[in-house]
Amino acid sequence: MMAGSLAFFLIYGLNLGTDFTGGALLELRTENLELRTIRESLENSGIQNVVVSRTGDNGFLIKMQEISEEKHQEILAELRKMGELEEKRFDSIGSTIGAELKRKSIIAIIIALIAISVYLAVVFSKIGGAVSPFALALGAIIALIHDLLLPIGVFAWLGEFKGVAVDAPLIAAALAILGYSINDTVVVYDRIRENVLKKSGESFNQAVHKSVKQTLVRSISTSLTTLFAVIAIYIFGGPTLKNFSLALIIGIASGAYSSIFVASPILMLFHKK
C-alpha cells in the first residue's frame, strides 16, 4: 500500500485547489440547471479553464480563473436567466496568496516533525542507555511519514481520476494526523521505557515485544472510537467535510498500525547501533 501511494504521488502529483494555485471557487445549488449548461454559460462569458463538478444531488462546484466581484455578479446574473439557483459560497484567491499558503503549509508540517523529534529525544533521554533517544525519534518520524504518505497517495489518485483537489482543510487534517499518531506512539514508547528500566533480565527486544502486547488493546480501542466519530462526520457532515474526514480516517487507521508495526520494530533494529 505504501509503495502504491508513493507511486501515485510521483506519477500524478497532487491536484492542488484554488487555496494553493489561486483562482475562484463558486458553489451553487440549483434544481433547474445541468452541468453542461453551466460550463457552456461560463465559457460564453469569457471564462477559461472552467472545471464544474457535482456536490450532492443538486449542488455544483465551479473552479475557474481569478475573477473580480463585478464578473462574479455578471456570471450569477447570466445563470439566473436559465433557472433558479442559490449561491452557497464564493472564494477568490490571488496566485501570490496561493503560493504563499503552499509555502507556509510545507513549513508548518516540517516544523511539526522537527518539534516532535526534539520532544521525543528529550522526554525519553533517560531510558537506561538501552537505546539512543535519537533512535526513538527516528522510529517515530518514519512512522509519521508512513501515516502521511498513505493519505497523500490516496488523494493523488482521487485528484487524477476523480478531480478531487487538495485545499487548506487537508493541511489541517495532515497536522491532526501527525498529532494523533505521535500520541499513540508515545504511549507505546512510555511502556517500553517502563519495562526497560525495571531491569527484569529481559533483552531489549523482549521488552519491546512485551510493551507492544501490553498496549495493543488500548491502541486498537482508542483508534476505533476515534474512527467511529470521524466516519460519522464523513457520512453526515456534508460534501465540504468529506475530503477532510476521509484524510483523517486513512491517517488514524494508518497511525494505529504504524505505532505497533513500524515505530517499535525500528527501535529493535537500531538499539545496538
C-alpha atoms as a PDB file:
ATOM      1  CA  MET A   1       0.000   0.000   0.000  1.00  0.00           C
ATOM      2  CA  MET A   2       2.825   2.395   0.828  1.00  0.00           C
ATOM      3  CA  ALA A   3       4.635   1.571  -2.422  1.00  0.00           C
ATOM      4  CA  GLY A   4       1.417   2.182  -4.338  1.00  0.00           C
ATOM      5  CA  SER A   5       0.854   5.502  -2.549  1.00  0.00           C
ATOM      6  CA  LEU A   6       4.376   6.650  -3.346  1.00  0.00           C
ATOM      7  CA  ALA A   7       3.943   5.624  -6.996  1.00  0.00           C
ATOM      8  CA  PHE A   8       0.652   7.546  -7.322  1.00  0.00           C
ATOM      9  CA  PHE A   9       2.240  10.635  -5.766  1.00  0.00           C
ATOM     10  CA  LEU A  10       5.338  10.534  -8.002  1.00  0.00           C
ATOM     11  CA  ILE A  11       3.366   9.814 -11.181  1.00  0.00           C
ATOM     12  CA  TYR A  12       0.293  12.015 -10.738  1.00  0.00           C
ATOM     13  CA  GLY A  13       1.277  14.528  -8.057  1.00  0.00           C
ATOM     14  CA  LEU A  14      -1.412  16.332  -6.067  1.00  0.00           C
ATOM     15  CA  ASN A  15      -4.281  18.201  -7.670  1.00  0.00           C
ATOM     16  CA  LEU A  16      -3.866  21.483  -5.792  1.00  0.00           C
ATOM     17  CA  GLY A  17      -7.017  23.522  -5.242  1.00  0.00           C
ATOM     18  CA  THR A  18      -7.540  27.255  -5.560  1.00  0.00           C
ATOM     19  CA  ASP A  19      -6.267  27.734  -2.000  1.00  0.00           C
ATOM     20  CA  PHE A  20      -2.754  26.965  -3.309  1.00  0.00           C
ATOM     21  CA  THR A  21      -2.851  27.825  -7.011  1.00  0.00           C
ATOM     22  CA  GLY A  22      -5.064  30.915  -6.917  1.00  0.00           C
ATOM     23  CA  GLY A  23      -8.372  31.295  -8.740  1.00  0.00           C
ATOM     24  CA  ALA A  24     -12.063  31.405  -7.927  1.00  0.00           C
ATOM     25  CA  LEU A  25     -14.347  28.809  -6.380  1.00  0.00           C
ATOM     26  CA  LEU A  26     -18.128  29.113  -6.715  1.00  0.00           C
ATOM     27  CA  GLU A  27     -20.581  26.684  -5.117  1.00  0.00           C
ATOM     28  CA  LEU A  28     -24.202  26.702  -6.304  1.00  0.00           C
ATOM     29  CA  ARG A  29     -27.386  24.811  -5.551  1.00  0.00           C
ATOM     30  CA  THR A  30     -29.969  24.526  -8.312  1.00  0.00           C
ATOM     31  CA  GLU A  31     -32.630  22.095  -9.487  1.00  0.00           C
ATOM     32  CA  ASN A  32     -33.018  23.630 -12.954  1.00  0.00           C
ATOM     33  CA  LEU A  33     -29.533  23.693 -14.451  1.00  0.00           C
ATOM     34  CA  GLU A  34     -27.342  20.893 -15.782  1.00  0.00           C
ATOM     35  CA  LEU A  35     -23.569  20.568 -15.521  1.00  0.00           C
ATOM     36  CA  ARG A  36     -23.053  21.040 -19.273  1.00  0.00           C
ATOM     37  CA  THR A  37     -25.292  24.123 -19.332  1.00  0.00           C
ATOM     38  CA  ILE A  38     -23.328  25.789 -16.523  1.00  0.00           C
ATOM     39  CA  ARG A  39     -19.977  25.092 -18.191  1.00  0.00           C
ATOM     40  CA  GLU A  40     -21.146  26.449 -21.576  1.00  0.00           C
ATOM     41  CA  SER A  41     -22.570  29.597 -19.961  1.00  0.00           C
ATOM     42  CA  LEU A  42     -19.281  30.330 -18.210  1.00  0.00           C
ATOM     43  CA  GLU A  43     -17.230  29.712 -21.348  1.00  0.00           C
ATOM     44  CA  ASN A  44     -19.534  32.037 -23.296  1.00  0.00           C
ATOM     45  CA  SER A  45     -18.852  34.686 -20.642  1.00  0.00           C
ATOM     46  CA  GLY A  46     -15.131  34.509 -21.475  1.00  0.00           C
ATOM     47  CA  ILE A  47     -14.062  32.330 -18.515  1.00  0.00           C
ATOM     48  CA  GLN A  48     -11.315  29.859 -19.443  1.00  0.00           C
ATOM     49  CA  ASN A  49     -10.192  26.571 -17.809  1.00  0.00           C
ATOM     50  CA  VAL A  50     -13.538  26.015 -16.100  1.00  0.00           C
ATOM     51  CA  VAL A  51     -13.984  22.832 -14.036  1.00  0.00           C
ATOM     52  CA  VAL A  52     -17.563  22.050 -12.964  1.00  0.00           C
ATOM     53  CA  SER A  53     -18.324  19.104 -10.682  1.00  0.00           C
ATOM     54  CA  ARG A  54     -21.371  17.906  -8.774  1.00  0.00           C
ATOM     55  CA  THR A  55     -21.648  18.022  -4.961  1.00  0.00           C
ATOM     56  CA  GLY A  56     -24.661  16.128  -3.700  1.00  0.00           C
ATOM     57  CA  ASP A  57     -27.956  15.883  -5.589  1.00  0.00           C
ATOM     58  CA  ASN A  58     -28.438  19.486  -6.698  1.00  0.00           C
ATOM     59  CA  GLY A  59     -25.089  21.082  -5.892  1.00  0.00           C
ATOM     60  CA  PHE A  60     -22.342  22.238  -8.255  1.00  0.00           C
ATOM     61  CA  LEU A  61     -18.765  23.261  -7.521  1.00  0.00           C
ATOM     62  CA  ILE A  62     -17.184  25.568 -10.120  1.00  0.00           C
ATOM     63  CA  LYS A  63     -13.418  26.195 -10.272  1.00  0.00           C
ATOM     64  CA  MET A  64     -12.127  28.884 -12.601  1.00  0.00           C
ATOM     65  CA  GLN A  65      -9.563  31.650 -13.044  1.00  0.00           C
ATOM     66  CA  GLU A  66      -9.410  34.550 -10.600  1.00  0.00           C
ATOM     67  CA  ILE A  67     -12.288  36.960 -11.283  1.00  0.00           C
ATOM     68  CA  SER A  68     -13.440  40.334  -9.952  1.00  0.00           C
ATOM     69  CA  GLU A  69     -16.589  40.871  -7.904  1.00  0.00           C
ATOM     70  CA  GLU A  70     -18.163  42.573 -10.913  1.00  0.00           C
ATOM     71  CA  LYS A  71     -17.529  39.486 -13.076  1.00  0.00           C
ATOM     72  CA  HIS A  72     -18.817  37.282 -10.255  1.00  0.00           C
ATOM     73  CA  GLN A  73     -22.158  39.092 -10.218  1.00  0.00           C
ATOM     74  CA  GLU A  74     -22.310  39.041 -14.010  1.00  0.00           C
ATOM     75  CA  ILE A  75     -21.903  35.243 -14.032  1.00  0.00           C
ATOM     76  CA  LEU A  76     -24.673  34.806 -11.450  1.00  0.00           C
ATOM     77  CA  ALA A  77     -26.988  37.047 -13.457  1.00  0.00           C
ATOM     78  CA  GLU A  78     -26.406  35.004 -16.632  1.00  0.00           C
ATOM     79  CA  LEU A  79     -27.031  31.715 -14.822  1.00  0.00           C
ATOM     80  CA  ARG A  80     -30.224  33.016 -13.165  1.00  0.00           C
ATOM     81  CA  LYS A  81     -31.630  33.759 -16.622  1.00  0.00           C
ATOM     82  CA  MET A  82     -31.626  29.988 -17.258  1.00  0.00           C
ATOM     83  CA  GLY A  83     -33.109  28.897 -13.930  1.00  0.00           C
ATOM     84  CA  GLU A  84     -33.366  29.452 -10.190  1.00  0.00           C
ATOM     85  CA  LEU A  85     -30.223  28.958  -8.142  1.00  0.00           C
ATOM     86  CA  GLU A  86     -28.781  29.597  -4.687  1.00  0.00           C
ATOM     87  CA  GLU A  87     -25.177  30.673  -4.158  1.00  0.00           C
ATOM     88  CA  LYS A  88     -23.641  28.692  -1.278  1.00  0.00           C
ATOM     89  CA  ARG A  89     -20.172  30.266  -1.275  1.00  0.00           C
ATOM     90  CA  PHE A  90     -17.684  32.205  -3.376  1.00  0.00           C
ATOM     91  CA  ASP A  91     -13.918  32.428  -2.804  1.00  0.00           C
ATOM     92  CA  SER A  92     -11.383  34.223  -4.966  1.00  0.00           C
ATOM     93  CA  ILE A  93      -7.682  33.891  -4.163  1.00  0.00           C
ATOM     94  CA  GLY A  94      -4.792  35.562  -5.993  1.00  0.00           C
ATOM     95  CA  SER A  95      -1.909  33.431  -7.278  1.00  0.00           C
ATOM     96  CA  THR A  96       0.554  35.222  -4.949  1.00  0.00           C
ATOM     97  CA  ILE A  97      -1.533  34.418  -1.872  1.00  0.00           C
ATOM     98  CA  GLY A  98      -1.948  30.801  -3.043  1.00  0.00           C
ATOM     99  CA  ALA A  99       1.811  30.347  -3.456  1.00  0.00           C
ATOM    100  CA  GLU A 100       2.425  31.858  -0.009  1.00  0.00           C
ATOM    101  CA  LEU A 101      -0.131  29.499   1.567  1.00  0.00           C
ATOM    102  CA  LYS A 102       1.512  26.495  -0.111  1.00  0.00           C
ATOM    103  CA  ARG A 103       4.933  27.539   1.186  1.00  0.00           C
ATOM    104  CA  LYS A 104       3.652  28.077   4.731  1.00  0.00           C
ATOM    105  CA  SER A 105       1.812  24.734   4.718  1.00  0.00           C
ATOM    106  CA  ILE A 106       5.031  22.878   3.890  1.00  0.00           C
ATOM    107  CA  ILE A 107       6.893  24.840   6.581  1.00  0.00           C
ATOM    108  CA  ALA A 108       4.180  24.029   9.152  1.00  0.00           C
ATOM    109  CA  ILE A 109       4.497  20.276   8.526  1.00  0.00           C
ATOM    110  CA  ILE A 110       8.314  20.393   8.651  1.00  0.00           C
ATOM    111  CA  ILE A 111       8.289  22.388  11.920  1.00  0.00           C
ATOM    112  CA  ALA A 112       5.819  19.896  13.413  1.00  0.00           C
ATOM    113  CA  LEU A 113       8.111  16.968  12.514  1.00  0.00           C
ATOM    114  CA  ILE A 114      11.191  18.717  13.962  1.00  0.00           C
ATOM    115  CA  ALA A 115       9.378  19.679  17.171  1.00  0.00           C
ATOM    116  CA  ILE A 116       8.129  16.106  17.625  1.00  0.00           C
ATOM    117  CA  SER A 117      11.683  14.762  17.137  1.00  0.00           C
ATOM    118  CA  VAL A 118      13.128  17.126  19.745  1.00  0.00           C
ATOM    119  CA  TYR A 119      10.324  16.364  22.195  1.00  0.00           C
ATOM    120  CA  LEU A 120      10.863  12.604  21.952  1.00  0.00           C
ATOM    121  CA  ALA A 121      14.649  12.912  22.243  1.00  0.00           C
ATOM    122  CA  VAL A 122      14.282  14.991  25.446  1.00  0.00           C
ATOM    123  CA  VAL A 123      11.423  13.116  27.134  1.00  0.00           C
ATOM    124  CA  PHE A 124      12.879   9.651  26.506  1.00  0.00           C
ATOM    125  CA  SER A 125      16.520  10.539  27.107  1.00  0.00           C
ATOM    126  CA  LYS A 126      16.552   8.513  30.362  1.00  0.00           C
ATOM    127  CA  ILE A 127      15.817   5.078  29.031  1.00  0.00           C
ATOM    128  CA  GLY A 128      18.719   3.392  30.731  1.00  0.00           C
ATOM    129  CA  GLY A 129      21.183   3.613  27.868  1.00  0.00           C
ATOM    130  CA  ALA A 130      19.432   0.744  26.087  1.00  0.00           C
ATOM    131  CA  VAL A 131      18.665   2.836  23.031  1.00  0.00           C
ATOM    132  CA  SER A 132      19.611   6.288  21.779  1.00  0.00           C
ATOM    133  CA  PRO A 133      16.843   8.886  22.177  1.00  0.00           C
ATOM    134  CA  PHE A 134      17.524   9.816  18.570  1.00  0.00           C
ATOM    135  CA  ALA A 135      16.657   6.254  17.533  1.00  0.00           C
ATOM    136  CA  LEU A 136      13.343   6.785  19.335  1.00  0.00           C
ATOM    137  CA  ALA A 137      12.816   9.996  17.382  1.00  0.00           C
ATOM    138  CA  LEU A 138      13.804   8.262  14.132  1.00  0.00           C
ATOM    139  CA  GLY A 139      11.287   5.475  14.693  1.00  0.00           C
ATOM    140  CA  ALA A 140       8.526   7.983  15.393  1.00  0.00           C
ATOM    141  CA  ILE A 141       9.372  10.167  12.383  1.00  0.00           C
ATOM    142  CA  ILE A 142       9.426   7.209   9.986  1.00  0.00           C
ATOM    143  CA  ALA A 143       6.057   6.144  11.418  1.00  0.00           C
ATOM    144  CA  LEU A 144       4.695   9.673  10.881  1.00  0.00           C
ATOM    145  CA  ILE A 145       5.939   9.783   7.289  1.00  0.00           C
ATOM    146  CA  HIS A 146       4.264   6.393   6.826  1.00  0.00           C
ATOM    147  CA  ASP A 147       0.997   7.855   8.159  1.00  0.00           C
ATOM    148  CA  LEU A 148       1.155  10.899   5.860  1.00  0.00           C
ATOM    149  CA  LEU A 149       2.205   9.015   2.732  1.00  0.00           C
ATOM    150  CA  LEU A 150      -0.878   6.799   2.598  1.00  0.00           C
ATOM    151  CA  PRO A 151      -3.471   9.641   2.510  1.00  0.00           C
ATOM    152  CA  ILE A 152      -1.202  11.581   0.107  1.00  0.00           C
ATOM    153  CA  GLY A 153      -1.221   8.592  -2.273  1.00  0.00           C
ATOM    154  CA  VAL A 154      -5.000   8.214  -1.993  1.00  0.00           C
ATOM    155  CA  PHE A 155      -5.577  11.908  -2.760  1.00  0.00           C
ATOM    156  CA  ALA A 156      -3.092  11.786  -5.650  1.00  0.00           C
ATOM    157  CA  TRP A 157      -5.232   9.002  -7.138  1.00  0.00           C
ATOM    158  CA  LEU A 158      -8.503  10.825  -6.363  1.00  0.00           C
ATOM    159  CA  GLY A 159      -7.131  14.024  -7.882  1.00  0.00           C
ATOM    160  CA  GLU A 160      -6.143  12.290 -11.127  1.00  0.00           C
ATOM    161  CA  PHE A 161      -9.266  10.153 -11.642  1.00  0.00           C
ATOM    162  CA  LYS A 162     -11.990  11.902  -9.614  1.00  0.00           C
ATOM    163  CA  GLY A 163     -10.908  15.546  -9.817  1.00  0.00           C
ATOM    164  CA  VAL A 164     -10.567  15.886  -6.018  1.00  0.00           C
ATOM    165  CA  ALA A 165      -8.452  18.944  -5.138  1.00  0.00           C
ATOM    166  CA  VAL A 166      -6.169  19.371  -2.127  1.00  0.00           C
ATOM    167  CA  ASP A 167      -7.105  22.519  -0.215  1.00  0.00           C
ATOM    168  CA  ALA A 168      -6.266  24.194   3.109  1.00  0.00           C
ATOM    169  CA  PRO A 169      -8.515  21.952   5.289  1.00  0.00           C
ATOM    170  CA  LEU A 170      -6.472  18.933   4.163  1.00  0.00           C
ATOM    171  CA  ILE A 171      -3.336  20.570   5.586  1.00  0.00           C
ATOM    172  CA  ALA A 172      -5.211  20.839   8.892  1.00  0.00           C
ATOM    173  CA  ALA A 173      -6.064  17.141   8.539  1.00  0.00           C
ATOM    174  CA  ALA A 174      -2.373  16.307   7.927  1.00  0.00           C
ATOM    175  CA  LEU A 175      -1.329  18.143  11.106  1.00  0.00           C
ATOM    176  CA  ALA A 176      -4.119  16.427  13.054  1.00  0.00           C
ATOM    177  CA  ILE A 177      -2.868  13.040  11.788  1.00  0.00           C
ATOM    178  CA  LEU A 178       0.655  13.901  12.980  1.00  0.00           C
ATOM    179  CA  GLY A 179      -0.630  14.801  16.440  1.00  0.00           C
ATOM    180  CA  TYR A 180      -2.872  11.776  16.797  1.00  0.00           C
ATOM    181  CA  SER A 181      -0.288   9.320  15.502  1.00  0.00           C
ATOM    182  CA  ILE A 182       2.511  10.560  17.762  1.00  0.00           C
ATOM    183  CA  ASN A 183       0.154  10.353  20.741  1.00  0.00           C
ATOM    184  CA  ASP A 184      -0.309   6.635  20.079  1.00  0.00           C
ATOM    185  CA  THR A 185       3.436   6.108  19.543  1.00  0.00           C
ATOM    186  CA  VAL A 186       4.318   7.904  22.797  1.00  0.00           C
ATOM    187  CA  VAL A 187       2.053   5.524  24.755  1.00  0.00           C
ATOM    188  CA  VAL A 188       3.941   2.522  23.336  1.00  0.00           C
ATOM    189  CA  TYR A 189       7.320   4.208  23.916  1.00  0.00           C
ATOM    190  CA  ASP A 190       6.430   5.047  27.502  1.00  0.00           C
ATOM    191  CA  ARG A 191       5.584   1.420  28.252  1.00  0.00           C
ATOM    192  CA  ILE A 192       8.873   0.345  26.624  1.00  0.00           C
ATOM    193  CA  ARG A 193      10.724   2.769  28.909  1.00  0.00           C
ATOM    194  CA  GLU A 194       8.976   1.368  31.987  1.00  0.00           C
ATOM    195  CA  ASN A 195       9.784  -2.230  31.090  1.00  0.00           C
ATOM    196  CA  VAL A 196      13.419  -1.450  30.206  1.00  0.00           C
ATOM    197  CA  LEU A 197      14.034   0.474  33.442  1.00  0.00           C
ATOM    198  CA  LYS A 198      12.636  -2.417  35.530  1.00  0.00           C
ATOM    199  CA  LYS A 199      15.747  -4.420  34.552  1.00  0.00           C
ATOM    200  CA  SER A 200      13.928  -7.730  34.898  1.00  0.00           C
ATOM    201  CA  GLY A 201      16.602  -9.599  32.952  1.00  0.00           C
ATOM    202  CA  GLU A 202      14.756  -9.424  29.628  1.00  0.00           C
ATOM    203  CA  SER A 203      16.570  -8.441  26.460  1.00  0.00           C
ATOM    204  CA  PHE A 204      15.648  -5.133  24.844  1.00  0.00           C
ATOM    205  CA  ASN A 205      13.744  -6.907  22.068  1.00  0.00           C
ATOM    206  CA  GLN A 206      11.771  -8.902  24.625  1.00  0.00           C
ATOM    207  CA  ALA A 207      10.927  -5.678  26.493  1.00  0.00           C
ATOM    208  CA  VAL A 208       9.661  -4.080  23.276  1.00  0.00           C
ATOM    209  CA  HIS A 209       7.581  -7.148  22.436  1.00  0.00           C
ATOM    210  CA  LYS A 210       6.089  -7.214  25.933  1.00  0.00           C
ATOM    211  CA  SER A 211       5.310  -3.482  25.794  1.00  0.00           C
ATOM    212  CA  VAL A 212       3.524  -3.742  22.449  1.00  0.00           C
ATOM    213  CA  LYS A 213       1.387  -6.613  23.779  1.00  0.00           C
ATOM    214  CA  GLN A 214       0.505  -4.601  26.908  1.00  0.00           C
ATOM    215  CA  THR A 215      -0.596  -1.528  24.901  1.00  0.00           C
ATOM    216  CA  LEU A 216      -2.201  -3.355  21.969  1.00  0.00           C
ATOM    217  CA  VAL A 217      -5.788  -3.353  23.257  1.00  0.00           C
ATOM    218  CA  ARG A 218      -5.513   0.295  24.293  1.00  0.00           C
ATOM    219  CA  SER A 219      -4.194   1.323  20.861  1.00  0.00           C
ATOM    220  CA  ILE A 220      -6.938  -0.522  18.992  1.00  0.00           C
ATOM    221  CA  SER A 221      -9.694   0.749  21.311  1.00  0.00           C
ATOM    222  CA  THR A 222      -8.742   4.435  21.147  1.00  0.00           C
ATOM    223  CA  SER A 223      -8.253   4.287  17.366  1.00  0.00           C
ATOM    224  CA  LEU A 224     -11.610   2.605  16.805  1.00  0.00           C
ATOM    225  CA  THR A 225     -13.552   5.056  18.964  1.00  0.00           C
ATOM    226  CA  THR A 226     -11.928   7.990  17.157  1.00  0.00           C
ATOM    227  CA  LEU A 227     -12.633   6.374  13.785  1.00  0.00           C
ATOM    228  CA  PHE A 228     -16.312   5.978  14.673  1.00  0.00           C
ATOM    229  CA  ALA A 229     -16.564   9.731  15.268  1.00  0.00           C
ATOM    230  CA  VAL A 230     -14.704  10.644  12.065  1.00  0.00           C
ATOM    231  CA  ILE A 231     -16.716   8.157   9.975  1.00  0.00           C
ATOM    232  CA  ALA A 232     -19.886   9.815  11.319  1.00  0.00           C
ATOM    233  CA  ILE A 233     -18.546  13.182  10.098  1.00  0.00           C
ATOM    234  CA  TYR A 234     -17.781  11.630   6.693  1.00  0.00           C
ATOM    235  CA  ILE A 235     -21.307  10.218   6.329  1.00  0.00           C
ATOM    236  CA  PHE A 236     -23.368  13.051   7.830  1.00  0.00           C
ATOM    237  CA  GLY A 237     -21.072  16.086   7.626  1.00  0.00           C
ATOM    238  CA  GLY A 238     -21.922  17.140   4.088  1.00  0.00           C
ATOM    239  CA  PRO A 239     -19.763  17.472   0.958  1.00  0.00           C
ATOM    240  CA  THR A 240     -17.487  20.224   2.300  1.00  0.00           C
ATOM    241  CA  LEU A 241     -16.220  17.929   5.104  1.00  0.00           C
ATOM    242  CA  LYS A 242     -15.882  14.688   3.128  1.00  0.00           C
ATOM    243  CA  ASN A 243     -12.280  15.143   1.970  1.00  0.00           C
ATOM    244  CA  PHE A 244     -11.182  16.393   5.402  1.00  0.00           C
ATOM    245  CA  SER A 245     -12.776  13.453   7.224  1.00  0.00           C
ATOM    246  CA  LEU A 246     -11.568  10.929   4.605  1.00  0.00           C
ATOM    247  CA  ALA A 247      -7.966  12.061   5.168  1.00  0.00           C
ATOM    248  CA  LEU A 248      -8.444  11.646   8.934  1.00  0.00           C
ATOM    249  CA  ILE A 249      -9.953   8.170   8.537  1.00  0.00           C
ATOM    250  CA  ILE A 250      -6.986   6.980   6.469  1.00  0.00           C
ATOM    251  CA  GLY A 251      -4.405   8.695   8.691  1.00  0.00           C
ATOM    252  CA  ILE A 252      -5.827   7.481  12.015  1.00  0.00           C
ATOM    253  CA  ALA A 253      -6.133   3.882  10.791  1.00  0.00           C
ATOM    254  CA  SER A 254      -2.585   4.061   9.423  1.00  0.00           C
ATOM    255  CA  GLY A 255      -1.361   5.611  12.701  1.00  0.00           C
ATOM    256  CA  ALA A 256      -2.752   2.759  14.782  1.00  0.00           C
ATOM    257  CA  TYR A 257      -0.842   0.315  12.580  1.00  0.00           C
ATOM    258  CA  SER A 258       2.424   2.273  12.477  1.00  0.00           C
ATOM    259  CA  SER A 259       2.765   2.701  16.257  1.00  0.00           C
ATOM    260  CA  ILE A 260       2.835  -1.074  16.641  1.00  0.00           C
ATOM    261  CA  PHE A 261       4.397  -2.378  13.437  1.00  0.00           C
ATOM    262  CA  VAL A 262       6.647   0.493  12.279  1.00  0.00           C
ATOM    263  CA  ALA A 263       7.939   2.583  15.199  1.00  0.00           C
ATOM    264  CA  SER A 264       8.593  -0.295  17.629  1.00  0.00           C
ATOM    265  CA  PRO A 265      10.475  -2.601  15.204  1.00  0.00           C
ATOM    266  CA  ILE A 266      12.698   0.334  14.200  1.00  0.00           C
ATOM    267  CA  LEU A 267      13.772   0.603  17.857  1.00  0.00           C
ATOM    268  CA  MET A 268      14.650  -3.097  17.845  1.00  0.00           C
ATOM    269  CA  LEU A 269      16.638  -2.594  14.654  1.00  0.00           C
ATOM    270  CA  PHE A 270      18.679   0.393  15.887  1.00  0.00           C
ATOM    271  CA  HIS A 271      19.067  -0.164  19.633  1.00  0.00           C
ATOM    272  CA  LYS A 272      22.576  -1.662  19.217  1.00  0.00           C
ATOM    273  CA  LYS A 273      23.774   0.832  16.619  1.00  0.00           C
END
